[in-house]
Amino acid sequence: MFDDLRFSTSLGSDNHSGVHPRVMEALLAANRGHAHAYGMDELCELTAREFKRIFGPEAEAQYVFTGTAANVLSASGLVRSFEAVVCSEVAHLHLDECGAPEKFLGGKLWTIKSPDGRIQPEQIAEVLQRQGDQHFAQPRLVSLTQPTELGVCYSLEELHAWRKFTREKNLMLHLDGARLCNAAVNLGCTLREMTAEIGVDVVSFGGTKNGLMGAEAVILFSPKAKENFKFYRKQAMQLSSKTRFLAAQFHAYLHGDLWLEIAQHVTATAKDLSQRLEEFPEIRVEFPVQSNALFVRLPKPWTSPLREKFFFYVWDPEINLCRWMISFDWREETTERLISALREVKKCFPVK
């Protein structure tokens, strides 16, 4: 049916890839007979056990369709209209949600400068000086992106420091974990060690960027985060009737540790590609490669011809900083094709 369409490998986003075969198999397996709706079926119960196995017994996973919904609903029961969310100035929550947090929470985003996407507790001292001042939006939730939008990971020590600080200041803690599994592989820790054992209140847990089809999860840990979440989700039009098809995908992702297999593959591939780029002194890798993202400064004449073969985004046009994202279906031969394309571009467009 779609034989005439062109499906090529992309560096643009891990959203550009298809669905992992094992996830697709799980969808087909779930597509039999009838089952209770709205999460009251056996498959949802089995998947709930998988979340608890990996994240800890207190973890309660709720499904939504988009990462935007996961991020906004994570804060829905924690932030009132006169309160604020503190996050990095390059956080997805701030730059890429089209104002959804402000619209649906009614609160404010306080953004903090961060060269690599990480922010530190001492940076928000100024914001906290006016706690209790009725003229000032009250900080309530700290949102950390793990790994950051620039592919850099917070260490476990940094996360523990944030939890200690937020408890002292009566703040809640959220992890935007669209690519959380990649961070766990980079840090050599379990997902539980990076969430429940830190003491985070809520996590946006990515699925779609990791081989699932339109499935995301909000993992609730603290009683406050769990309170009334189901009502906020319903009001936000994110309650799926045929929930088994979202649960089936996460069951395939978690059971048998497919999440770990994918994360190991994409992070190792990104680091290998970074090393292969040493062949090209004209290219500079801007940030440490700690996830499936590479931020590379390309010679401007190379950009257009290279994008004809591998699509990617120019992150910062002023310095021609480009973002390359590795997806689960990237293979060694794909790396070879990219390196060959770079050699060809270099030959045609030599940089003096």
C-alpha atoms as a PDB file:
ATOM      1  CA  MET A   1       0.000   0.000   0.000  1.00  0.00           C
ATOM      2  CA  PHE A   2       2.825   2.403   0.907  1.00  0.00           C
ATOM      3  CA  ASP A   3       5.489   1.048  -1.439  1.00  0.00           C
ATOM      4  CA  ASP A   4       5.927   4.426  -3.150  1.00  0.00           C
ATOM      5  CA  LEU A   5       6.582   6.319   0.088  1.00  0.00           C
ATOM      6  CA  ARG A   6      10.159   7.107   1.066  1.00  0.00           C
ATOM      7  CA  PHE A   7      11.091   5.989   4.566  1.00  0.00           C
ATOM      8  CA  SER A   8      14.755   6.834   5.210  1.00  0.00           C
ATOM      9  CA  THR A   9      16.938   6.843   8.306  1.00  0.00           C
ATOM     10  CA  SER A  10      16.771  10.169  10.126  1.00  0.00           C
ATOM     11  CA  LEU A  11      18.980  11.900  12.665  1.00  0.00           C
ATOM     12  CA  GLY A  12      16.239  14.438  13.317  1.00  0.00           C
ATOM     13  CA  SER A  13      14.597  12.809  16.319  1.00  0.00           C
ATOM     14  CA  ASP A  14      14.077   9.462  18.004  1.00  0.00           C
ATOM     15  CA  ASN A  15      10.408  10.260  17.331  1.00  0.00           C
ATOM     16  CA  HIS A  16      11.105   9.688  13.631  1.00  0.00           C
ATOM     17  CA  SER A  17      11.674   5.962  14.024  1.00  0.00           C
ATOM     18  CA  GLY A  18       8.963   3.355  13.780  1.00  0.00           C
ATOM     19  CA  VAL A  19       7.710   0.918  16.402  1.00  0.00           C
ATOM     20  CA  HIS A  20       9.992  -1.737  17.819  1.00  0.00           C
ATOM     21  CA  PRO A  21       9.017  -5.183  16.445  1.00  0.00           C
ATOM     22  CA  ARG A  22       8.521  -6.652  19.922  1.00  0.00           C
ATOM     23  CA  VAL A  23       6.205  -3.782  20.810  1.00  0.00           C
ATOM     24  CA  MET A  24       4.242  -4.302  17.596  1.00  0.00           C
ATOM     25  CA  GLU A  25       3.967  -8.002  18.395  1.00  0.00           C
ATOM     26  CA  ALA A  26       2.583  -7.115  21.821  1.00  0.00           C
ATOM     27  CA  LEU A  27      -0.036  -4.845  20.227  1.00  0.00           C
ATOM     28  CA  LEU A  28      -1.146  -7.624  17.913  1.00  0.00           C
ATOM     29  CA  ALA A  29      -1.262 -10.100  20.797  1.00  0.00           C
ATOM     30  CA  ALA A  30      -3.453  -7.701  22.800  1.00  0.00           C
ATOM     31  CA  ASN A  31      -5.842  -7.341  19.879  1.00  0.00           C
ATOM     32  CA  ARG A  32      -7.870 -10.420  20.737  1.00  0.00           C
ATOM     33  CA  GLY A  33     -11.362 -10.602  22.139  1.00  0.00           C
ATOM     34  CA  HIS A  34     -12.839  -8.132  24.585  1.00  0.00           C
ATOM     35  CA  ALA A  35     -11.407  -6.606  27.754  1.00  0.00           C
ATOM     36  CA  HIS A  36     -12.600  -4.126  30.348  1.00  0.00           C
ATOM     37  CA  ALA A  37     -11.966  -0.493  29.445  1.00  0.00           C
ATOM     38  CA  TYR A  38     -10.183   2.370  31.227  1.00  0.00           C
ATOM     39  CA  GLY A  39      -7.384   0.279  32.725  1.00  0.00           C
ATOM     40  CA  MET A  40      -9.538  -2.329  34.443  1.00  0.00           C
ATOM     41  CA  ASP A  41      -8.212  -5.332  32.529  1.00  0.00           C
ATOM     42  CA  GLU A  42      -5.720  -8.106  33.246  1.00  0.00           C
ATOM     43  CA  LEU A  43      -3.039  -6.736  30.928  1.00  0.00           C
ATOM     44  CA  CYS A  44      -3.032  -3.401  32.756  1.00  0.00           C
ATOM     45  CA  GLU A  45      -2.635  -5.275  36.025  1.00  0.00           C
ATOM     46  CA  LEU A  46       0.296  -7.284  34.654  1.00  0.00           C
ATOM     47  CA  THR A  47       1.975  -4.105  33.422  1.00  0.00           C
ATOM     48  CA  ALA A  48       1.427  -2.385  36.769  1.00  0.00           C
ATOM     49  CA  ARG A  49       3.437  -5.213  38.341  1.00  0.00           C
ATOM     50  CA  GLU A  50       6.247  -4.621  35.862  1.00  0.00           C
ATOM     51  CA  PHE A  51       6.402  -0.932  36.778  1.00  0.00           C
ATOM     52  CA  LYS A  52       6.580  -1.860  40.457  1.00  0.00           C
ATOM     53  CA  ARG A  53       9.261  -4.468  39.760  1.00  0.00           C
ATOM     54  CA  ILE A  54      11.475  -1.915  38.079  1.00  0.00           C
ATOM     55  CA  PHE A  55      10.653   1.317  39.928  1.00  0.00           C
ATOM     56  CA  GLY A  56       9.659   0.004  43.352  1.00  0.00           C
ATOM     57  CA  PRO A  57       6.442  -1.003  45.134  1.00  0.00           C
ATOM     58  CA  GLU A  58       5.284   2.586  45.630  1.00  0.00           C
ATOM     59  CA  ALA A  59       5.350   3.351  41.896  1.00  0.00           C
ATOM     60  CA  GLU A  60       1.958   3.931  40.310  1.00  0.00           C
ATOM     61  CA  ALA A  61       1.982   4.283  36.526  1.00  0.00           C
ATOM     62  CA  GLN A  62      -0.762   6.075  34.605  1.00  0.00           C
ATOM     63  CA  TYR A  63      -0.873   6.235  30.816  1.00  0.00           C
ATOM     64  CA  VAL A  64      -1.253   9.220  28.500  1.00  0.00           C
ATOM     65  CA  PHE A  65      -0.813   9.705  24.769  1.00  0.00           C
ATOM     66  CA  THR A  66       1.837  12.439  24.509  1.00  0.00           C
ATOM     67  CA  GLY A  67       4.954  13.684  26.246  1.00  0.00           C
ATOM     68  CA  THR A  68       3.379  17.113  26.613  1.00  0.00           C
ATOM     69  CA  ALA A  69       0.481  15.575  28.512  1.00  0.00           C
ATOM     70  CA  ALA A  70       2.877  13.565  30.668  1.00  0.00           C
ATOM     71  CA  ASN A  71       4.848  16.661  31.631  1.00  0.00           C
ATOM     72  CA  VAL A  72       1.847  18.885  32.299  1.00  0.00           C
ATOM     73  CA  LEU A  73      -0.178  16.247  34.139  1.00  0.00           C
ATOM     74  CA  SER A  74       2.844  15.379  36.292  1.00  0.00           C
ATOM     75  CA  ALA A  75       2.483  18.836  37.778  1.00  0.00           C
ATOM     76  CA  SER A  76      -1.305  19.055  37.679  1.00  0.00           C
ATOM     77  CA  GLY A  77      -1.974  17.996  41.250  1.00  0.00           C
ATOM     78  CA  LEU A  78       1.120  19.677  42.674  1.00  0.00           C
ATOM     79  CA  VAL A  79       1.003  23.242  41.352  1.00  0.00           C
ATOM     80  CA  ARG A  80      -1.773  25.759  41.985  1.00  0.00           C
ATOM     81  CA  SER A  81      -2.415  28.813  39.818  1.00  0.00           C
ATOM     82  CA  PHE A  82      -0.395  31.156  42.044  1.00  0.00           C
ATOM     83  CA  GLU A  83       2.566  28.788  42.208  1.00  0.00           C
ATOM     84  CA  ALA A  84       5.548  28.228  39.927  1.00  0.00           C
ATOM     85  CA  VAL A  85       7.611  25.454  38.373  1.00  0.00           C
ATOM     86  CA  VAL A  86      11.389  25.953  38.374  1.00  0.00           C
ATOM     87  CA  CYS A  87      13.223  24.477  35.388  1.00  0.00           C
ATOM     88  CA  SER A  88      16.143  24.987  33.044  1.00  0.00           C
ATOM     89  CA  GLU A  89      15.864  27.656  30.368  1.00  0.00           C
ATOM     90  CA  VAL A  90      16.349  24.932  27.734  1.00  0.00           C
ATOM     91  CA  ALA A  91      13.899  22.470  29.304  1.00  0.00           C
ATOM     92  CA  HIS A  92      11.357  20.907  26.965  1.00  0.00           C
ATOM     93  CA  LEU A  93       8.744  22.010  29.473  1.00  0.00           C
ATOM     94  CA  HIS A  94       9.662  25.623  28.746  1.00  0.00           C
ATOM     95  CA  LEU A  95      10.631  25.682  25.071  1.00  0.00           C
ATOM     96  CA  ASP A  96       8.614  22.976  23.376  1.00  0.00           C
ATOM     97  CA  GLU A  97       5.201  22.661  25.026  1.00  0.00           C
ATOM     98  CA  CYS A  98       3.556  25.666  23.291  1.00  0.00           C
ATOM     99  CA  GLY A  99       2.672  27.229  26.648  1.00  0.00           C
ATOM    100  CA  ALA A 100       0.695  24.147  27.739  1.00  0.00           C
ATOM    101  CA  PRO A 101       2.028  24.257  31.333  1.00  0.00           C
ATOM    102  CA  GLU A 102       0.938  27.867  31.729  1.00  0.00           C
ATOM    103  CA  LYS A 103      -2.431  27.265  30.074  1.00  0.00           C
ATOM    104  CA  PHE A 104      -3.458  24.119  31.933  1.00  0.00           C
ATOM    105  CA  LEU A 105      -1.727  24.692  35.267  1.00  0.00           C
ATOM    106  CA  GLY A 106      -2.411  28.400  35.345  1.00  0.00           C
ATOM    107  CA  GLY A 107       0.928  28.875  37.095  1.00  0.00           C
ATOM    108  CA  LYS A 108       4.306  30.298  36.143  1.00  0.00           C
ATOM    109  CA  LEU A 109       7.549  28.803  34.871  1.00  0.00           C
ATOM    110  CA  TRP A 110      10.736  30.153  36.472  1.00  0.00           C
ATOM    111  CA  THR A 111      13.620  29.379  34.126  1.00  0.00           C
ATOM    112  CA  ILE A 112      17.244  29.083  35.218  1.00  0.00           C
ATOM    113  CA  LYS A 113      20.296  29.561  32.986  1.00  0.00           C
ATOM    114  CA  SER A 114      22.141  26.348  32.253  1.00  0.00           C
ATOM    115  CA  PRO A 115      24.894  25.891  29.641  1.00  0.00           C
ATOM    116  CA  ASP A 116      24.346  22.127  29.384  1.00  0.00           C
ATOM    117  CA  GLY A 117      20.735  21.912  30.572  1.00  0.00           C
ATOM    118  CA  ARG A 118      21.548  21.063  34.194  1.00  0.00           C
ATOM    119  CA  ILE A 119      20.591  23.431  36.984  1.00  0.00           C
ATOM    120  CA  GLN A 120      21.870  23.424  40.576  1.00  0.00           C
ATOM    121  CA  PRO A 121      20.104  24.217  43.884  1.00  0.00           C
ATOM    122  CA  GLU A 122      22.158  27.332  44.600  1.00  0.00           C
ATOM    123  CA  GLN A 123      20.881  28.882  41.368  1.00  0.00           C
ATOM    124  CA  ILE A 124      17.333  29.252  42.652  1.00  0.00           C
ATOM    125  CA  ALA A 125      18.184  31.072  45.872  1.00  0.00           C
ATOM    126  CA  GLU A 126      16.944  34.369  44.408  1.00  0.00           C
ATOM    127  CA  VAL A 127      13.586  32.851  43.475  1.00  0.00           C
ATOM    128  CA  LEU A 128      13.142  31.492  46.989  1.00  0.00           C
ATOM    129  CA  GLN A 129      13.851  34.819  48.700  1.00  0.00           C
ATOM    130  CA  ARG A 130      10.247  35.900  48.221  1.00  0.00           C
ATOM    131  CA  GLN A 131       8.521  32.792  49.490  1.00  0.00           C
ATOM    132  CA  GLY A 132       5.420  33.952  51.314  1.00  0.00           C
ATOM    133  CA  ASP A 133       5.316  37.292  49.469  1.00  0.00           C
ATOM    134  CA  GLN A 134       1.804  37.698  48.057  1.00  0.00           C
ATOM    135  CA  HIS A 135       3.124  39.759  45.113  1.00  0.00           C
ATOM    136  CA  PHE A 136       5.329  36.902  43.900  1.00  0.00           C
ATOM    137  CA  ALA A 137       4.487  33.567  42.246  1.00  0.00           C
ATOM    138  CA  GLN A 138       5.359  30.929  44.828  1.00  0.00           C
ATOM    139  CA  PRO A 139       7.895  28.256  43.784  1.00  0.00           C
ATOM    140  CA  ARG A 140       6.381  24.835  44.316  1.00  0.00           C
ATOM    141  CA  LEU A 141       7.875  22.284  41.921  1.00  0.00           C
ATOM    142  CA  VAL A 142      11.386  21.750  40.554  1.00  0.00           C
ATOM    143  CA  SER A 143      11.466  19.984  37.192  1.00  0.00           C
ATOM    144  CA  LEU A 144      14.740  18.366  36.112  1.00  0.00           C
ATOM    145  CA  THR A 145      15.220  16.862  32.651  1.00  0.00           C
ATOM    146  CA  GLN A 146      17.158  13.577  32.791  1.00  0.00           C
ATOM    147  CA  PRO A 147      19.051  13.484  30.498  1.00  0.00           C
ATOM    148  CA  THR A 148      18.853  17.169  29.623  1.00  0.00           C
ATOM    149  CA  GLU A 149      17.790  18.547  26.255  1.00  0.00           C
ATOM    150  CA  LEU A 150      21.494  18.735  25.437  1.00  0.00           C
ATOM    151  CA  GLY A 151      22.055  15.057  26.198  1.00  0.00           C
ATOM    152  CA  VAL A 152      23.923  15.556  29.488  1.00  0.00           C
ATOM    153  CA  CYS A 153      23.001  13.567  32.604  1.00  0.00           C
ATOM    154  CA  TYR A 154      22.633  14.626  36.216  1.00  0.00           C
ATOM    155  CA  SER A 155      24.740  12.371  38.437  1.00  0.00           C
ATOM    156  CA  LEU A 156      23.050  10.441  41.241  1.00  0.00           C
ATOM    157  CA  GLU A 157      24.859  12.741  43.677  1.00  0.00           C
ATOM    158  CA  GLU A 158      23.337  15.785  41.979  1.00  0.00           C
ATOM    159  CA  LEU A 159      19.864  14.243  42.113  1.00  0.00           C
ATOM    160  CA  HIS A 160      20.255  13.414  45.812  1.00  0.00           C
ATOM    161  CA  ALA A 161      21.394  16.994  46.449  1.00  0.00           C
ATOM    162  CA  TRP A 162      18.285  18.297  44.702  1.00  0.00           C
ATOM    163  CA  ARG A 163      16.014  16.028  46.758  1.00  0.00           C
ATOM    164  CA  LYS A 164      17.631  17.148  49.994  1.00  0.00           C
ATOM    165  CA  PHE A 165      17.296  20.780  48.967  1.00  0.00           C
ATOM    166  CA  THR A 166      13.670  20.525  47.854  1.00  0.00           C
ATOM    167  CA  ARG A 167      12.652  18.841  51.076  1.00  0.00           C
ATOM    168  CA  GLU A 168      14.337  21.553  53.111  1.00  0.00           C
ATOM    169  CA  LYS A 169      12.514  24.231  51.085  1.00  0.00           C
ATOM    170  CA  ASN A 170       9.141  22.430  50.989  1.00  0.00           C
ATOM    171  CA  LEU A 171       9.295  21.922  47.221  1.00  0.00           C
ATOM    172  CA  MET A 172       8.257  18.956  45.095  1.00  0.00           C
ATOM    173  CA  LEU A 173      10.550  17.223  42.570  1.00  0.00           C
ATOM    174  CA  HIS A 174       9.701  16.101  39.038  1.00  0.00           C
ATOM    175  CA  LEU A 175      11.888  14.275  36.516  1.00  0.00           C
ATOM    176  CA  ASP A 176      11.183  14.784  32.835  1.00  0.00           C
ATOM    177  CA  GLY A 177      12.323  11.340  31.735  1.00  0.00           C
ATOM    178  CA  ALA A 178      11.494  11.167  28.042  1.00  0.00           C
ATOM    179  CA  ARG A 179      14.866   9.390  27.667  1.00  0.00           C
ATOM    180  CA  LEU A 180      15.312   8.297  31.283  1.00  0.00           C
ATOM    181  CA  CYS A 181      16.462   4.784  30.361  1.00  0.00           C
ATOM    182  CA  ASN A 182      19.428   6.177  28.452  1.00  0.00           C
ATOM    183  CA  ALA A 183      20.475   8.116  31.541  1.00  0.00           C
ATOM    184  CA  ALA A 184      20.298   4.948  33.656  1.00  0.00           C
ATOM    185  CA  VAL A 185      22.619   3.159  31.239  1.00  0.00           C
ATOM    186  CA  ASN A 186      25.052   6.076  31.193  1.00  0.00           C
ATOM    187  CA  LEU A 187      25.141   6.250  34.993  1.00  0.00           C
ATOM    188  CA  GLY A 188      25.297   2.482  35.416  1.00  0.00           C
ATOM    189  CA  CYS A 189      22.331   2.483  37.798  1.00  0.00           C
ATOM    190  CA  THR A 190      18.821   1.050  37.917  1.00  0.00           C
ATOM    191  CA  LEU A 191      15.717   3.065  37.167  1.00  0.00           C
ATOM    192  CA  ARG A 192      14.674   2.583  40.781  1.00  0.00           C
ATOM    193  CA  GLU A 193      17.946   4.049  42.052  1.00  0.00           C
ATOM    194  CA  MET A 194      17.378   7.131  39.905  1.00  0.00           C
ATOM    195  CA  THR A 195      13.754   7.686  40.955  1.00  0.00           C
ATOM    196  CA  ALA A 196      12.257   6.016  44.021  1.00  0.00           C
ATOM    197  CA  GLU A 197      15.530   5.843  45.909  1.00  0.00           C
ATOM    198  CA  ILE A 198      16.182   9.512  45.180  1.00  0.00           C
ATOM    199  CA  GLY A 199      12.734  10.328  46.514  1.00  0.00           C
ATOM    200  CA  VAL A 200      11.260  12.037  43.464  1.00  0.00           C
ATOM    201  CA  ASP A 201       7.553  12.779  43.562  1.00  0.00           C
ATOM    202  CA  VAL A 202       6.687  12.122  39.935  1.00  0.00           C
ATOM    203  CA  VAL A 203       8.344  11.095  36.650  1.00  0.00           C
ATOM    204  CA  SER A 204       7.330  11.607  33.029  1.00  0.00           C
ATOM    205  CA  PHE A 205       8.425   8.286  31.546  1.00  0.00           C
ATOM    206  CA  GLY A 206       8.957   8.299  27.801  1.00  0.00           C
ATOM    207  CA  GLY A 207       7.692   5.611  25.469  1.00  0.00           C
ATOM    208  CA  THR A 208       7.305   7.057  22.001  1.00  0.00           C
ATOM    209  CA  LYS A 209      10.947   8.121  21.660  1.00  0.00           C
ATOM    210  CA  ASN A 210      11.990   4.614  22.659  1.00  0.00           C
ATOM    211  CA  GLY A 211      10.159   2.382  20.204  1.00  0.00           C
ATOM    212  CA  LEU A 212       6.550   2.635  21.394  1.00  0.00           C
ATOM    213  CA  MET A 213       3.602   3.962  19.381  1.00  0.00           C
ATOM    214  CA  GLY A 214       1.948   7.006  20.946  1.00  0.00           C
ATOM    215  CA  ALA A 215       2.307   5.804  24.531  1.00  0.00           C
ATOM    216  CA  GLU A 216       3.723   7.693  27.517  1.00  0.00           C
ATOM    217  CA  ALA A 217       3.466   7.145  31.261  1.00  0.00           C
ATOM    218  CA  VAL A 218       3.322   9.307  34.352  1.00  0.00           C
ATOM    219  CA  ILE A 219       4.861   7.449  37.283  1.00  0.00           C
ATOM    220  CA  LEU A 220       3.577   8.708  40.608  1.00  0.00           C
ATOM    221  CA  PHE A 221       5.559   8.076  43.779  1.00  0.00           C
ATOM    222  CA  SER A 222       4.467  10.402  46.588  1.00  0.00           C
ATOM    223  CA  PRO A 223       0.942  10.442  48.049  1.00  0.00           C
ATOM    224  CA  LYS A 224       0.513  14.080  47.001  1.00  0.00           C
ATOM    225  CA  ALA A 225       1.375  13.259  43.384  1.00  0.00           C
ATOM    226  CA  LYS A 226      -1.084  10.347  43.357  1.00  0.00           C
ATOM    227  CA  GLU A 227      -3.918  12.329  44.906  1.00  0.00           C
ATOM    228  CA  ASN A 228      -6.652  13.075  42.365  1.00  0.00           C
ATOM    229  CA  PHE A 229      -4.402  12.360  39.371  1.00  0.00           C
ATOM    230  CA  LYS A 230      -7.098  10.310  37.636  1.00  0.00           C
ATOM    231  CA  PHE A 231      -9.455  13.302  37.664  1.00  0.00           C
ATOM    232  CA  TYR A 232      -6.875  15.670  36.197  1.00  0.00           C
ATOM    233  CA  ARG A 233      -6.099  13.145  33.474  1.00  0.00           C
ATOM    234  CA  LYS A 234      -9.755  12.745  32.543  1.00  0.00           C
ATOM    235  CA  GLN A 235     -10.261  16.519  32.392  1.00  0.00           C
ATOM    236  CA  ALA A 236      -7.192  16.775  30.174  1.00  0.00           C
ATOM    237  CA  MET A 237      -8.769  14.283  27.713  1.00  0.00           C
ATOM    238  CA  GLN A 238      -5.933  11.799  28.228  1.00  0.00           C
ATOM    239  CA  LEU A 239      -7.885   8.810  29.590  1.00  0.00           C
ATOM    240  CA  SER A 240      -7.791   6.029  27.033  1.00  0.00           C
ATOM    241  CA  SER A 241     -10.786   3.720  26.865  1.00  0.00           C
ATOM    242  CA  LYS A 242      -8.844   0.844  25.280  1.00  0.00           C
ATOM    243  CA  THR A 243      -6.038   1.188  27.782  1.00  0.00           C
ATOM    244  CA  ARG A 244      -4.833  -2.351  27.199  1.00  0.00           C
ATOM    245  CA  PHE A 245      -3.120  -1.208  23.995  1.00  0.00           C
ATOM    246  CA  LEU A 246      -1.020   1.334  25.907  1.00  0.00           C
ATOM    247  CA  ALA A 247      -0.313  -1.183  28.666  1.00  0.00           C
ATOM    248  CA  ALA A 248       0.670  -3.854  26.127  1.00  0.00           C
ATOM    249  CA  GLN A 249       3.397  -1.623  24.749  1.00  0.00           C
ATOM    250  CA  PHE A 250       4.857  -0.833  28.146  1.00  0.00           C
ATOM    251  CA  HIS A 251       4.646  -4.493  29.132  1.00  0.00           C
ATOM    252  CA  ALA A 252       6.744  -5.386  26.089  1.00  0.00           C
ATOM    253  CA  TYR A 253       9.130  -2.534  26.908  1.00  0.00           C
ATOM    254  CA  LEU A 254       9.610  -3.466  30.568  1.00  0.00           C
ATOM    255  CA  HIS A 255       9.169  -7.253  30.672  1.00  0.00           C
ATOM    256  CA  GLY A 256      12.372  -8.903  29.601  1.00  0.00           C
ATOM    257  CA  ASP A 257      14.132  -5.538  29.974  1.00  0.00           C
ATOM    258  CA  LEU A 258      13.712  -4.405  26.378  1.00  0.00           C
ATOM    259  CA  TRP A 259      14.131  -0.863  27.772  1.00  0.00           C
ATOM    260  CA  LEU A 260      17.669  -1.758  28.821  1.00  0.00           C
ATOM    261  CA  GLU A 261      18.510  -3.395  25.499  1.00  0.00           C
ATOM    262  CA  ILE A 262      17.386  -0.327  23.557  1.00  0.00           C
ATOM    263  CA  ALA A 263      19.083   2.139  25.901  1.00  0.00           C
ATOM    264  CA  GLN A 264      22.363   0.255  25.787  1.00  0.00           C
ATOM    265  CA  HIS A 265      22.221   0.162  21.998  1.00  0.00           C
ATOM    266  CA  VAL A 266      21.455   3.841  21.382  1.00  0.00           C
ATOM    267  CA  THR A 267      23.903   5.189  23.960  1.00  0.00           C
ATOM    268  CA  ALA A 268      26.727   2.918  22.793  1.00  0.00           C
ATOM    269  CA  THR A 269      25.997   3.833  19.181  1.00  0.00           C
ATOM    270  CA  ALA A 270      26.049   7.556  19.942  1.00  0.00           C
ATOM    271  CA  LYS A 271      29.377   7.258  21.763  1.00  0.00           C
ATOM    272  CA  ASP A 272      30.849   5.157  18.965  1.00  0.00           C
ATOM    273  CA  LEU A 273      29.722   7.704  16.387  1.00  0.00           C
ATOM    274  CA  SER A 274      31.303  10.461  18.455  1.00  0.00           C
ATOM    275  CA  GLN A 275      34.616   8.618  18.295  1.00  0.00           C
ATOM    276  CA  ARG A 276      34.253   8.036  14.564  1.00  0.00           C
ATOM    277  CA  LEU A 277      33.844  11.780  14.056  1.00  0.00           C
ATOM    278  CA  GLU A 278      37.441  12.265  15.222  1.00  0.00           C
ATOM    279  CA  GLU A 279      38.303  11.506  11.609  1.00  0.00           C
ATOM    280  CA  PHE A 280      36.938  14.944  10.753  1.00  0.00           C
ATOM    281  CA  PRO A 281      38.815  17.795  12.486  1.00  0.00           C
ATOM    282  CA  GLU A 282      36.319  20.182  10.878  1.00  0.00           C
ATOM    283  CA  ILE A 283      33.570  18.778  13.163  1.00  0.00           C
ATOM    284  CA  ARG A 284      33.352  19.600  16.850  1.00  0.00           C
ATOM    285  CA  VAL A 285      31.190  17.619  19.308  1.00  0.00           C
ATOM    286  CA  GLU A 286      29.914  20.302  21.663  1.00  0.00           C
ATOM    287  CA  PHE A 287      28.713  18.405  24.769  1.00  0.00           C
ATOM    288  CA  PRO A 288      29.686  15.126  26.442  1.00  0.00           C
ATOM    289  CA  VAL A 289      27.826  12.247  24.777  1.00  0.00           C
ATOM    290  CA  GLN A 290      25.916  10.740  27.699  1.00  0.00           C
ATOM    291  CA  SER A 291      22.715   9.683  25.989  1.00  0.00           C
ATOM    292  CA  ASN A 292      21.565   9.088  22.410  1.00  0.00           C
ATOM    293  CA  ALA A 293      22.178  12.716  21.396  1.00  0.00           C
ATOM    294  CA  LEU A 294      25.151  14.301  19.656  1.00  0.00           C
ATOM    295  CA  PHE A 295      25.433  18.056  19.264  1.00  0.00           C
ATOM    296  CA  VAL A 296      27.901  18.736  16.498  1.00  0.00           C
ATOM    297  CA  ARG A 297      29.233  21.958  14.994  1.00  0.00           C
ATOM    298  CA  LEU A 298      29.406  21.395  11.262  1.00  0.00           C
ATOM    299  CA  PRO A 299      31.010  23.579   8.599  1.00  0.00           C
ATOM    300  CA  LYS A 300      28.040  25.463   7.150  1.00  0.00           C
ATOM    301  CA  PRO A 301      28.673  24.358   3.533  1.00  0.00           C
ATOM    302  CA  TRP A 302      28.278  20.739   4.657  1.00  0.00           C
ATOM    303  CA  THR A 303      24.821  21.133   6.184  1.00  0.00           C
ATOM    304  CA  SER A 304      22.525  21.135   3.158  1.00  0.00           C
ATOM    305  CA  PRO A 305      24.196  18.323   1.186  1.00  0.00           C
ATOM    306  CA  LEU A 306      24.407  16.123   4.292  1.00  0.00           C
ATOM    307  CA  ARG A 307      20.748  16.748   5.156  1.00  0.00           C
ATOM    308  CA  GLU A 308      19.782  15.393   1.741  1.00  0.00           C
ATOM    309  CA  LYS A 309      20.968  11.979   2.920  1.00  0.00           C
ATOM    310  CA  PHE A 310      20.369  12.153   6.686  1.00  0.00           C
ATOM    311  CA  PHE A 311      17.819  14.638   7.934  1.00  0.00           C
ATOM    312  CA  PHE A 312      18.708  16.548  11.123  1.00  0.00           C
ATOM    313  CA  TYR A 313      17.891  19.848  12.823  1.00  0.00           C
ATOM    314  CA  VAL A 314      20.145  22.867  13.171  1.00  0.00           C
ATOM    315  CA  TRP A 315      19.903  23.629  16.879  1.00  0.00           C
ATOM    316  CA  ASP A 316      21.781  26.971  16.864  1.00  0.00           C
ATOM    317  CA  PRO A 317      22.127  28.589  13.417  1.00  0.00           C
ATOM    318  CA  GLU A 318      24.657  31.178  14.624  1.00  0.00           C
ATOM    319  CA  ILE A 319      27.347  28.572  15.239  1.00  0.00           C
ATOM    320  CA  ASN A 320      25.719  25.899  13.043  1.00  0.00           C
ATOM    321  CA  LEU A 321      25.252  23.600  16.010  1.00  0.00           C
ATOM    322  CA  CYS A 322      23.307  20.561  14.824  1.00  0.00           C
ATOM    323  CA  ARG A 323      21.479  17.897  16.819  1.00  0.00           C
ATOM    324  CA  TRP A 324      21.829  14.261  15.819  1.00  0.00           C
ATOM    325  CA  MET A 325      19.558  11.748  17.563  1.00  0.00           C
ATOM    326  CA  ILE A 326      20.131   7.983  17.486  1.00  0.00           C
ATOM    327  CA  SER A 327      17.036   5.780  17.381  1.00  0.00           C
ATOM    328  CA  PHE A 328      16.579   2.149  18.430  1.00  0.00           C
ATOM    329  CA  ASP A 329      16.746   0.916  14.827  1.00  0.00           C
ATOM    330  CA  TRP A 330      20.112   2.543  14.010  1.00  0.00           C
ATOM    331  CA  ARG A 331      22.604  -0.074  12.888  1.00  0.00           C
ATOM    332  CA  GLU A 332      26.370  -0.276  12.385  1.00  0.00           C
ATOM    333  CA  GLU A 333      25.915  -0.104   8.628  1.00  0.00           C
ATOM    334  CA  THR A 334      23.967   3.127   9.098  1.00  0.00           C
ATOM    335  CA  THR A 335      26.970   4.624  10.858  1.00  0.00           C
ATOM    336  CA  GLU A 336      29.123   3.531   7.935  1.00  0.00           C
ATOM    337  CA  ARG A 337      26.764   5.220   5.474  1.00  0.00           C
ATOM    338  CA  LEU A 338      26.891   8.422   7.518  1.00  0.00           C
ATOM    339  CA  ILE A 339      30.691   8.404   7.674  1.00  0.00           C
ATOM    340  CA  SER A 340      30.817   7.776   3.901  1.00  0.00           C
ATOM    341  CA  ALA A 341      28.435  10.673   3.351  1.00  0.00           C
ATOM    342  CA  LEU A 342      30.641  12.923   5.471  1.00  0.00           C
ATOM    343  CA  ARG A 343      33.714  11.917   3.487  1.00  0.00           C
ATOM    344  CA  GLU A 344      31.912  12.708   0.259  1.00  0.00           C
ATOM    345  CA  VAL A 345      30.716  16.088   1.538  1.00  0.00           C
ATOM    346  CA  LYS A 346      34.201  16.926   2.783  1.00  0.00           C
ATOM    347  CA  LYS A 347      35.647  16.092  -0.632  1.00  0.00           C
ATOM    348  CA  CYS A 348      33.075  18.258  -2.449  1.00  0.00           C
ATOM    349  CA  PHE A 349      33.138  21.134   0.034  1.00  0.00           C
ATOM    350  CA  PRO A 350      36.650  21.390   1.485  1.00  0.00           C
ATOM    351  CA  VAL A 351      37.033  23.731   4.434  1.00  0.00           C
ATOM    352  CA  LYS A 352      40.062  26.016   4.338  1.00  0.00           C
END
